[in-house]
Amino acid sequence: MPRPETAFPGKGLYLLTPDDVDTASLVERVSVALPHAALLQYRNKTADAALRHEQAVALLPLCRKHGVPLLVNDDWRLAADIGADGAHLGEHDGMLQAARTALGPDAILGASCYDSLDRAADAARAGASYLAFGAFFPSSTKPNARQASMTLLRDAARFCLPLVAIGGITRDNTPRLVEAGADYVAVISGVFDAPDPIDAARGYAACFPRTRPHPTNEAGTGDNTP
């Protein structure tokens, strides 16, 4: 399915998929929360390559229906293969510049920066569309993750890129992150483990003012370096 030319969405909930081995169940669970999300990241650390492809393909028309960009975690090649809107890369998931070249100037390309402004600067120069920091709070998904401070978000404003906060995000602590400068909060269990995922997703989204879409970082250019 070809990727439409869509603007980078405004601020809000960045929904990450749970590690669900059943594709039909995954699509059903995502579909109820997706209308309240700004972005969706397909993330499954336990699936093999065939299942990851199957699930990413299954999520794509759902995202198109709701106008929510689909990004693929770790694997920019899979994102390119299925025509996803972009990819999110950690420090061991390949070079950002190679991903930007393969996915094109309009793709959304995210970078995990953890607790490092130096890594953020490198990612901005390499063509990242947004910078993700965390974990800001203890996380059940990554209990041993590096810890990030709120000051990172304020300091990272210098890169002039959207900022994503991740790690232990709840509806109660989201306003603190927004005040510190987060444009998005990345959430898995806070939505999918909630008694009412729809209400949970709506609650996260309500923490953000309605905004216009961000401009894309075309071809990795622009005043986004310190």
C-alpha atoms as a PDB file:
ATOM      1  CA  MET A   1       0.000   0.000   0.000  1.00  0.00           C
ATOM      2  CA  PRO A   2       1.668   3.270  -1.099  1.00  0.00           C
ATOM      3  CA  ARG A   3       2.455   5.830   1.577  1.00  0.00           C
ATOM      4  CA  PRO A   4       0.346   8.971   1.203  1.00  0.00           C
ATOM      5  CA  GLU A   5       1.927  12.384   1.515  1.00  0.00           C
ATOM      6  CA  THR A   6       0.808  13.391   4.998  1.00  0.00           C
ATOM      7  CA  ALA A   7       2.103  16.069   7.319  1.00  0.00           C
ATOM      8  CA  PHE A   8       3.752  15.168  10.597  1.00  0.00           C
ATOM      9  CA  PRO A   9       0.841  15.122  13.057  1.00  0.00           C
ATOM     10  CA  GLY A  10       0.286  17.574  15.861  1.00  0.00           C
ATOM     11  CA  LYS A  11       1.022  16.827  19.503  1.00  0.00           C
ATOM     12  CA  GLY A  12      -0.542  13.929  21.368  1.00  0.00           C
ATOM     13  CA  LEU A  13      -0.511  10.246  22.188  1.00  0.00           C
ATOM     14  CA  TYR A  14       2.124   8.097  20.503  1.00  0.00           C
ATOM     15  CA  LEU A  15       0.611   4.639  20.749  1.00  0.00           C
ATOM     16  CA  LEU A  16       2.929   1.617  20.746  1.00  0.00           C
ATOM     17  CA  THR A  17       1.511  -1.825  20.054  1.00  0.00           C
ATOM     18  CA  PRO A  18       1.591  -4.618  22.648  1.00  0.00           C
ATOM     19  CA  ASP A  19       3.466  -7.865  21.981  1.00  0.00           C
ATOM     20  CA  ASP A  20       0.379  -9.733  20.802  1.00  0.00           C
ATOM     21  CA  VAL A  21       1.118 -12.920  18.878  1.00  0.00           C
ATOM     22  CA  ASP A  22      -2.365 -13.118  17.343  1.00  0.00           C
ATOM     23  CA  THR A  23      -2.749 -10.698  14.440  1.00  0.00           C
ATOM     24  CA  ALA A  24      -6.549 -10.490  14.554  1.00  0.00           C
ATOM     25  CA  SER A  25      -6.454  -9.734  18.285  1.00  0.00           C
ATOM     26  CA  LEU A  26      -3.768  -7.104  17.766  1.00  0.00           C
ATOM     27  CA  VAL A  27      -5.782  -5.291  15.099  1.00  0.00           C
ATOM     28  CA  GLU A  28      -8.903  -5.404  17.259  1.00  0.00           C
ATOM     29  CA  ARG A  29      -7.091  -4.014  20.313  1.00  0.00           C
ATOM     30  CA  VAL A  30      -5.403  -1.242  18.345  1.00  0.00           C
ATOM     31  CA  SER A  31      -8.565  -0.247  16.486  1.00  0.00           C
ATOM     32  CA  VAL A  32     -10.402   0.923  19.616  1.00  0.00           C
ATOM     33  CA  ALA A  33      -7.622   3.240  20.785  1.00  0.00           C
ATOM     34  CA  LEU A  34      -6.292   4.444  17.437  1.00  0.00           C
ATOM     35  CA  PRO A  35      -8.812   7.279  16.913  1.00  0.00           C
ATOM     36  CA  HIS A  36      -7.258   9.045  19.917  1.00  0.00           C
ATOM     37  CA  ALA A  37      -3.629   8.600  18.829  1.00  0.00           C
ATOM     38  CA  ALA A  38      -1.405  10.956  16.856  1.00  0.00           C
ATOM     39  CA  LEU A  39       1.059   8.225  15.851  1.00  0.00           C
ATOM     40  CA  LEU A  40       1.160   4.421  15.952  1.00  0.00           C
ATOM     41  CA  GLN A  41       4.346   2.419  16.253  1.00  0.00           C
ATOM     42  CA  TYR A  42       4.270  -1.276  15.426  1.00  0.00           C
ATOM     43  CA  ARG A  43       6.531  -2.890  17.997  1.00  0.00           C
ATOM     44  CA  ASN A  44       6.819  -6.618  18.636  1.00  0.00           C
ATOM     45  CA  LYS A  45      10.083  -7.774  20.188  1.00  0.00           C
ATOM     46  CA  THR A  46       9.068 -11.440  20.360  1.00  0.00           C
ATOM     47  CA  ALA A  47       7.731 -12.087  16.834  1.00  0.00           C
ATOM     48  CA  ASP A  48       9.706 -13.614  13.989  1.00  0.00           C
ATOM     49  CA  ALA A  49      10.162 -11.798  10.683  1.00  0.00           C
ATOM     50  CA  ALA A  50       7.152 -13.420   9.015  1.00  0.00           C
ATOM     51  CA  LEU A  51       4.763 -12.487  11.824  1.00  0.00           C
ATOM     52  CA  ARG A  52       6.143  -8.965  12.045  1.00  0.00           C
ATOM     53  CA  HIS A  53       5.482  -8.512   8.333  1.00  0.00           C
ATOM     54  CA  GLU A  54       1.986  -9.957   8.637  1.00  0.00           C
ATOM     55  CA  GLN A  55       1.061  -7.735  11.559  1.00  0.00           C
ATOM     56  CA  ALA A  56       2.551  -4.555  10.123  1.00  0.00           C
ATOM     57  CA  VAL A  57       0.647  -5.121   6.866  1.00  0.00           C
ATOM     58  CA  ALA A  58      -2.568  -5.731   8.817  1.00  0.00           C
ATOM     59  CA  LEU A  59      -2.213  -2.468  10.744  1.00  0.00           C
ATOM     60  CA  LEU A  60      -1.533  -0.327   7.690  1.00  0.00           C
ATOM     61  CA  PRO A  61      -5.098  -0.023   6.307  1.00  0.00           C
ATOM     62  CA  LEU A  62      -6.386   0.661   9.833  1.00  0.00           C
ATOM     63  CA  CYS A  63      -3.944   3.555  10.148  1.00  0.00           C
ATOM     64  CA  ARG A  64      -4.881   4.857   6.709  1.00  0.00           C
ATOM     65  CA  LYS A  65      -8.562   4.757   7.689  1.00  0.00           C
ATOM     66  CA  HIS A  66      -7.970   6.931  10.752  1.00  0.00           C
ATOM     67  CA  GLY A  67      -5.280   9.140   9.220  1.00  0.00           C
ATOM     68  CA  VAL A  68      -2.687   8.042  11.780  1.00  0.00           C
ATOM     69  CA  PRO A  69       0.896   7.526  10.539  1.00  0.00           C
ATOM     70  CA  LEU A  70       2.287   4.012  11.045  1.00  0.00           C
ATOM     71  CA  LEU A  71       5.916   3.642  12.058  1.00  0.00           C
ATOM     72  CA  VAL A  72       7.832   0.370  12.408  1.00  0.00           C
ATOM     73  CA  ASN A  73      10.091  -0.163  15.401  1.00  0.00           C
ATOM     74  CA  ASP A  74      13.664  -1.311  14.789  1.00  0.00           C
ATOM     75  CA  ASP A  75      13.250  -2.301  11.135  1.00  0.00           C
ATOM     76  CA  TRP A  76      13.342   0.433   8.507  1.00  0.00           C
ATOM     77  CA  ARG A  77      13.573  -2.207   5.781  1.00  0.00           C
ATOM     78  CA  LEU A  78      10.184  -3.599   6.783  1.00  0.00           C
ATOM     79  CA  ALA A  79       8.795  -0.061   6.833  1.00  0.00           C
ATOM     80  CA  ALA A  80      10.062   0.518   3.305  1.00  0.00           C
ATOM     81  CA  ASP A  81       8.777  -2.842   2.111  1.00  0.00           C
ATOM     82  CA  ILE A  82       5.165  -2.292   3.190  1.00  0.00           C
ATOM     83  CA  GLY A  83       4.979   1.448   2.518  1.00  0.00           C
ATOM     84  CA  ALA A  84       4.687   2.490   6.161  1.00  0.00           C
ATOM     85  CA  ASP A  85       4.978   6.162   7.062  1.00  0.00           C
ATOM     86  CA  GLY A  86       8.332   5.709   8.744  1.00  0.00           C
ATOM     87  CA  ALA A  87      10.409   3.902  11.326  1.00  0.00           C
ATOM     88  CA  HIS A  88      11.782   4.312  14.811  1.00  0.00           C
ATOM     89  CA  LEU A  89      15.376   3.283  15.453  1.00  0.00           C
ATOM     90  CA  GLY A  90      17.260   2.574  18.661  1.00  0.00           C
ATOM     91  CA  GLU A  91      21.002   2.726  19.054  1.00  0.00           C
ATOM     92  CA  HIS A  92      21.523  -0.783  17.625  1.00  0.00           C
ATOM     93  CA  ASP A  93      18.927  -0.700  14.832  1.00  0.00           C
ATOM     94  CA  GLY A  94      20.977   0.666  11.947  1.00  0.00           C
ATOM     95  CA  MET A  95      22.189   3.986  10.661  1.00  0.00           C
ATOM     96  CA  LEU A  96      19.712   6.841  10.563  1.00  0.00           C
ATOM     97  CA  GLN A  97      21.227   8.215   7.384  1.00  0.00           C
ATOM     98  CA  ALA A  98      20.721   4.887   5.576  1.00  0.00           C
ATOM     99  CA  ALA A  99      17.124   4.764   6.758  1.00  0.00           C
ATOM    100  CA  ARG A 100      16.492   8.340   5.604  1.00  0.00           C
ATOM    101  CA  THR A 101      17.913   7.555   2.181  1.00  0.00           C
ATOM    102  CA  ALA A 102      15.817   4.409   1.829  1.00  0.00           C
ATOM    103  CA  LEU A 103      12.550   5.809   3.176  1.00  0.00           C
ATOM    104  CA  GLY A 104      12.778   9.184   1.472  1.00  0.00           C
ATOM    105  CA  PRO A 105      12.560  12.792   2.622  1.00  0.00           C
ATOM    106  CA  ASP A 106       8.888  12.684   3.644  1.00  0.00           C
ATOM    107  CA  ALA A 107       9.083   9.642   5.913  1.00  0.00           C
ATOM    108  CA  ILE A 108       8.838  10.072   9.678  1.00  0.00           C
ATOM    109  CA  LEU A 109      12.074   8.810  11.177  1.00  0.00           C
ATOM    110  CA  GLY A 110      12.419   8.652  14.947  1.00  0.00           C
ATOM    111  CA  ALA A 111      15.516   8.122  17.051  1.00  0.00           C
ATOM    112  CA  SER A 112      15.891   6.843  20.601  1.00  0.00           C
ATOM    113  CA  CYS A 113      18.185   9.246  22.439  1.00  0.00           C
ATOM    114  CA  TYR A 114      17.688   7.766  25.919  1.00  0.00           C
ATOM    115  CA  ASP A 115      19.367  10.200  28.338  1.00  0.00           C
ATOM    116  CA  SER A 116      21.865  11.719  25.905  1.00  0.00           C
ATOM    117  CA  LEU A 117      21.829  15.161  24.287  1.00  0.00           C
ATOM    118  CA  ASP A 118      24.927  14.174  22.307  1.00  0.00           C
ATOM    119  CA  ARG A 119      23.027  11.307  20.718  1.00  0.00           C
ATOM    120  CA  ALA A 120      20.161  13.698  20.018  1.00  0.00           C
ATOM    121  CA  ALA A 121      22.528  16.070  18.220  1.00  0.00           C
ATOM    122  CA  ASP A 122      23.865  13.212  16.087  1.00  0.00           C
ATOM    123  CA  ALA A 123      20.340  12.053  15.272  1.00  0.00           C
ATOM    124  CA  ALA A 124      19.240  15.555  14.271  1.00  0.00           C
ATOM    125  CA  ARG A 125      22.199  15.882  11.913  1.00  0.00           C
ATOM    126  CA  ALA A 126      21.454  12.440  10.422  1.00  0.00           C
ATOM    127  CA  GLY A 127      17.904  13.391   9.457  1.00  0.00           C
ATOM    128  CA  ALA A 128      15.712  12.338  12.372  1.00  0.00           C
ATOM    129  CA  SER A 129      12.160  13.689  12.301  1.00  0.00           C
ATOM    130  CA  TYR A 130      11.768  13.489  16.073  1.00  0.00           C
ATOM    131  CA  LEU A 131      13.859  12.700  19.139  1.00  0.00           C
ATOM    132  CA  ALA A 132      12.729  10.276  21.851  1.00  0.00           C
ATOM    133  CA  PHE A 133      14.015  10.450  25.429  1.00  0.00           C
ATOM    134  CA  GLY A 134      13.429   8.176  28.409  1.00  0.00           C
ATOM    135  CA  ALA A 135      12.714   6.357  30.544  1.00  0.00           C
ATOM    136  CA  PHE A 136      11.370   9.228  32.617  1.00  0.00           C
ATOM    137  CA  PHE A 137       9.650   6.960  35.137  1.00  0.00           C
ATOM    138  CA  PRO A 138       9.947   3.282  36.114  1.00  0.00           C
ATOM    139  CA  SER A 139       8.662   1.164  33.239  1.00  0.00           C
ATOM    140  CA  SER A 140       7.211  -2.343  33.295  1.00  0.00           C
ATOM    141  CA  THR A 141       8.145  -2.730  29.617  1.00  0.00           C
ATOM    142  CA  LYS A 142      11.814  -1.861  30.191  1.00  0.00           C
ATOM    143  CA  PRO A 143      12.520  -2.122  33.939  1.00  0.00           C
ATOM    144  CA  ASN A 144      16.288  -1.658  33.448  1.00  0.00           C
ATOM    145  CA  ALA A 145      16.077   1.282  31.061  1.00  0.00           C
ATOM    146  CA  ARG A 146      18.342   4.288  31.458  1.00  0.00           C
ATOM    147  CA  GLN A 147      16.693   7.091  33.381  1.00  0.00           C
ATOM    148  CA  ALA A 148      16.113  10.512  31.842  1.00  0.00           C
ATOM    149  CA  SER A 149      15.446  13.783  33.618  1.00  0.00           C
ATOM    150  CA  MET A 150      12.841  16.411  32.784  1.00  0.00           C
ATOM    151  CA  THR A 151      15.599  18.905  32.039  1.00  0.00           C
ATOM    152  CA  LEU A 152      16.495  16.863  28.954  1.00  0.00           C
ATOM    153  CA  LEU A 153      13.266  17.924  27.291  1.00  0.00           C
ATOM    154  CA  ARG A 154      13.912  21.593  28.011  1.00  0.00           C
ATOM    155  CA  ASP A 155      17.518  21.328  26.830  1.00  0.00           C
ATOM    156  CA  ALA A 156      16.545  19.408  23.676  1.00  0.00           C
ATOM    157  CA  ALA A 157      14.365  22.283  22.467  1.00  0.00           C
ATOM    158  CA  ARG A 158      17.549  23.607  20.828  1.00  0.00           C
ATOM    159  CA  PHE A 159      17.223  20.959  18.088  1.00  0.00           C
ATOM    160  CA  CYS A 160      13.912  22.372  16.833  1.00  0.00           C
ATOM    161  CA  LEU A 161      12.450  18.879  16.404  1.00  0.00           C
ATOM    162  CA  PRO A 162       9.384  17.260  18.005  1.00  0.00           C
ATOM    163  CA  LEU A 163      10.233  15.524  21.283  1.00  0.00           C
ATOM    164  CA  VAL A 164       8.857  12.202  22.510  1.00  0.00           C
ATOM    165  CA  ALA A 165       8.815  11.100  26.150  1.00  0.00           C
ATOM    166  CA  ILE A 166       8.794   7.388  26.929  1.00  0.00           C
ATOM    167  CA  GLY A 167       8.974   5.153  29.965  1.00  0.00           C
ATOM    168  CA  GLY A 168       6.411   4.721  32.719  1.00  0.00           C
ATOM    169  CA  ILE A 169       4.068   7.336  31.279  1.00  0.00           C
ATOM    170  CA  THR A 170       0.700   7.673  33.026  1.00  0.00           C
ATOM    171  CA  ARG A 171      -2.150  10.126  32.648  1.00  0.00           C
ATOM    172  CA  ASP A 172      -1.116  11.627  35.988  1.00  0.00           C
ATOM    173  CA  ASN A 173       2.492  12.371  34.996  1.00  0.00           C
ATOM    174  CA  THR A 174       1.821  13.313  31.360  1.00  0.00           C
ATOM    175  CA  PRO A 175       1.031  16.990  32.169  1.00  0.00           C
ATOM    176  CA  ARG A 176       4.485  17.346  33.777  1.00  0.00           C
ATOM    177  CA  LEU A 177       6.118  16.044  30.610  1.00  0.00           C
ATOM    178  CA  VAL A 178       4.037  18.316  28.387  1.00  0.00           C
ATOM    179  CA  GLU A 179       4.982  21.304  30.521  1.00  0.00           C
ATOM    180  CA  ALA A 180       8.660  20.325  30.223  1.00  0.00           C
ATOM    181  CA  GLY A 181       8.397  20.261  26.429  1.00  0.00           C
ATOM    182  CA  ALA A 182       7.210  16.836  25.303  1.00  0.00           C
ATOM    183  CA  ASP A 183       5.235  16.910  22.064  1.00  0.00           C
ATOM    184  CA  TYR A 184       4.244  13.247  22.351  1.00  0.00           C
ATOM    185  CA  VAL A 185       4.085  10.595  25.060  1.00  0.00           C
ATOM    186  CA  ALA A 186       4.796   7.016  23.977  1.00  0.00           C
ATOM    187  CA  VAL A 187       2.544   4.531  25.743  1.00  0.00           C
ATOM    188  CA  ILE A 188       1.926   0.779  25.679  1.00  0.00           C
ATOM    189  CA  SER A 189       0.616  -0.612  28.972  1.00  0.00           C
ATOM    190  CA  GLY A 190      -0.996   2.663  30.041  1.00  0.00           C
ATOM    191  CA  VAL A 191      -3.536   2.109  27.270  1.00  0.00           C
ATOM    192  CA  PHE A 192      -3.597  -1.609  26.485  1.00  0.00           C
ATOM    193  CA  ASP A 193      -3.494  -2.817  30.102  1.00  0.00           C
ATOM    194  CA  ALA A 194      -6.086  -0.284  31.236  1.00  0.00           C
ATOM    195  CA  PRO A 195      -9.572  -1.479  32.233  1.00  0.00           C
ATOM    196  CA  ASP A 196     -10.975   0.788  29.515  1.00  0.00           C
ATOM    197  CA  PRO A 197      -8.399   1.336  26.738  1.00  0.00           C
ATOM    198  CA  ILE A 198     -10.617   3.827  24.926  1.00  0.00           C
ATOM    199  CA  ASP A 199     -10.980   5.998  28.011  1.00  0.00           C
ATOM    200  CA  ALA A 200      -7.253   5.693  28.704  1.00  0.00           C
ATOM    201  CA  ALA A 201      -6.266   6.742  25.185  1.00  0.00           C
ATOM    202  CA  ARG A 202      -8.724   9.625  25.306  1.00  0.00           C
ATOM    203  CA  GLY A 203      -7.271  10.735  28.637  1.00  0.00           C
ATOM    204  CA  TYR A 204      -3.720  10.872  27.310  1.00  0.00           C
ATOM    205  CA  ALA A 205      -4.829  12.783  24.224  1.00  0.00           C
ATOM    206  CA  ALA A 206      -6.669  15.317  26.387  1.00  0.00           C
ATOM    207  CA  CYS A 207      -3.378  16.306  28.055  1.00  0.00           C
ATOM    208  CA  PHE A 208      -2.300  18.016  24.829  1.00  0.00           C
ATOM    209  CA  PRO A 209      -3.639  21.182  23.251  1.00  0.00           C
ATOM    210  CA  ARG A 210      -4.911  20.778  19.726  1.00  0.00           C
ATOM    211  CA  THR A 211      -2.145  21.858  17.393  1.00  0.00           C
ATOM    212  CA  ARG A 212      -1.392  22.094  13.735  1.00  0.00           C
ATOM    213  CA  PRO A 213       0.833  19.407  12.192  1.00  0.00           C
ATOM    214  CA  HIS A 214       4.591  19.746  12.519  1.00  0.00           C
ATOM    215  CA  PRO A 215       6.530  20.384   9.308  1.00  0.00           C
ATOM    216  CA  THR A 216       8.504  17.377   8.170  1.00  0.00           C
ATOM    217  CA  ASN A 217      12.281  17.435   8.303  1.00  0.00           C
ATOM    218  CA  GLU A 218      12.771  17.061   4.594  1.00  0.00           C
ATOM    219  CA  ALA A 219      15.901  15.153   3.592  1.00  0.00           C
ATOM    220  CA  GLY A 220      17.352  15.704   7.030  1.00  0.00           C
ATOM    221  CA  THR A 221      17.869  19.409   6.403  1.00  0.00           C
ATOM    222  CA  GLY A 222      16.918  22.471   8.351  1.00  0.00           C
ATOM    223  CA  ASP A 223      18.012  24.330  11.441  1.00  0.00           C
ATOM    224  CA  ASN A 224      17.829  21.383  13.783  1.00  0.00           C
ATOM    225  CA  THR A 225      21.400  21.156  14.994  1.00  0.00           C
ATOM    226  CA  PRO A 226      22.917  22.981  17.964  1.00  0.00           C
END
